[in-house]
Amino acid sequence: MLESDRISKMLDKNVFTSHVLGTNQGALLCTEPNYIDIVIGQDIETAYIELKNLNHVLRILETVFLKIKNRKSIVVFE
């Protein structure tokens, strides 16, 4: 059993990966509304890229930002 599987069970399977963090790094966030807000910077936008092997390639963009209200709501593992 992987460590991520054990942590996932403790956190009701709310474990997400990100390539922004380097290898062997992680962060634990308390997502209660009194600690963190999610701010949408740009709503969903779809752009047509190309036709490739009879498949239409699209790019879907959206930007979000975490507004941290309390620094103690985040724990970084290095």
Protein backbone atom coordinates (compact mmCIF):
# COMPACT_ATOMS: atom_id res chain seq x y z
CA MET A 1 0.00 0.00 0.00
CA LEU A 2 1.34 3.43 -0.97
CA GLU A 3 1.58 6.33 1.47
CA SER A 4 -0.77 8.31 -0.76
CA ASP A 5 -3.38 5.54 -0.42
CA ARG A 6 -3.22 5.68 3.39
CA ILE A 7 -3.43 9.47 3.42
CA SER A 8 -6.29 9.37 0.92
CA LYS A 9 -8.33 7.18 3.28
CA MET A 10 -7.81 9.63 6.16
CA LEU A 11 -8.83 12.60 4.01
CA ASP A 12 -11.97 11.04 2.46
CA LYS A 13 -10.09 10.53 -0.84
CA ASN A 14 -9.52 14.28 -1.30
CA VAL A 15 -5.90 13.94 -2.44
CA PHE A 16 -4.86 15.80 -5.58
CA THR A 17 -1.55 15.88 -7.44
CA SER A 18 0.21 18.89 -8.90
CA HIS A 19 3.30 19.20 -11.04
CA VAL A 20 3.94 22.66 -9.60
CA LEU A 21 5.40 21.09 -6.47
CA GLY A 22 8.71 19.37 -7.00
CA THR A 23 9.40 15.73 -6.28
CA ASN A 24 9.25 14.67 -2.64
CA GLN A 25 7.15 17.72 -1.74
CA GLY A 26 3.56 18.09 -0.68
CA ALA A 27 1.10 20.41 0.96
CA LEU A 28 -1.87 19.83 3.25
CA LEU A 29 -4.60 22.48 3.12
CA CYS A 30 -7.55 23.02 5.42
CA THR A 31 -10.27 24.02 2.96
CA GLU A 32 -12.85 25.24 5.44
CA PRO A 33 -14.36 28.58 4.27
CA ASN A 34 -13.03 30.48 7.28
CA TYR A 35 -9.42 29.57 6.28
CA ILE A 36 -9.27 29.61 2.44
CA ASP A 37 -11.31 31.10 -0.42
CA ILE A 38 -11.14 29.96 -4.05
CA VAL A 39 -11.13 32.96 -6.39
CA ILE A 40 -11.86 32.50 -10.10
CA GLY A 41 -9.63 34.81 -12.12
CA GLN A 42 -10.82 33.80 -15.58
CA ASP A 43 -13.93 31.75 -16.20
CA ILE A 44 -13.75 28.71 -18.49
CA GLU A 45 -12.68 29.57 -22.03
CA THR A 46 -12.38 27.12 -24.93
CA ALA A 47 -9.96 27.62 -27.83
CA TYR A 48 -9.77 25.58 -31.03
CA ILE A 49 -6.21 24.38 -31.68
CA GLU A 50 -6.18 22.08 -34.71
CA LEU A 51 -7.59 19.07 -36.52
CA LYS A 52 -5.25 16.12 -35.98
CA ASN A 53 -5.96 12.61 -37.35
CA LEU A 54 -9.67 13.47 -37.71
CA ASN A 55 -9.78 14.62 -34.06
CA HIS A 56 -10.51 18.19 -33.07
CA VAL A 57 -7.96 19.42 -30.52
CA LEU A 58 -9.26 22.04 -28.08
CA ARG A 59 -7.65 23.88 -25.19
CA ILE A 60 -9.74 24.64 -22.13
CA LEU A 61 -8.48 27.37 -19.82
CA GLU A 62 -9.52 28.60 -16.40
CA THR A 63 -7.52 30.36 -13.72
CA VAL A 64 -8.12 30.01 -10.02
CA PHE A 65 -6.37 31.46 -7.01
CA LEU A 66 -6.34 30.42 -3.37
CA LYS A 67 -6.90 33.37 -1.05
CA ILE A 68 -5.31 32.33 2.24
CA LYS A 69 -7.01 33.83 5.28
CA ASN A 70 -4.92 32.04 7.91
CA ARG A 71 -1.33 30.88 7.25
CA LYS A 72 -1.71 28.10 9.80
CA SER A 73 -4.24 26.38 7.52
CA ILE A 74 -1.38 25.15 5.27
CA VAL A 75 1.33 22.62 6.10
CA VAL A 76 4.15 22.09 3.58
CA PHE A 77 6.06 18.79 3.51
CA GLU A 78 9.59 18.81 2.05
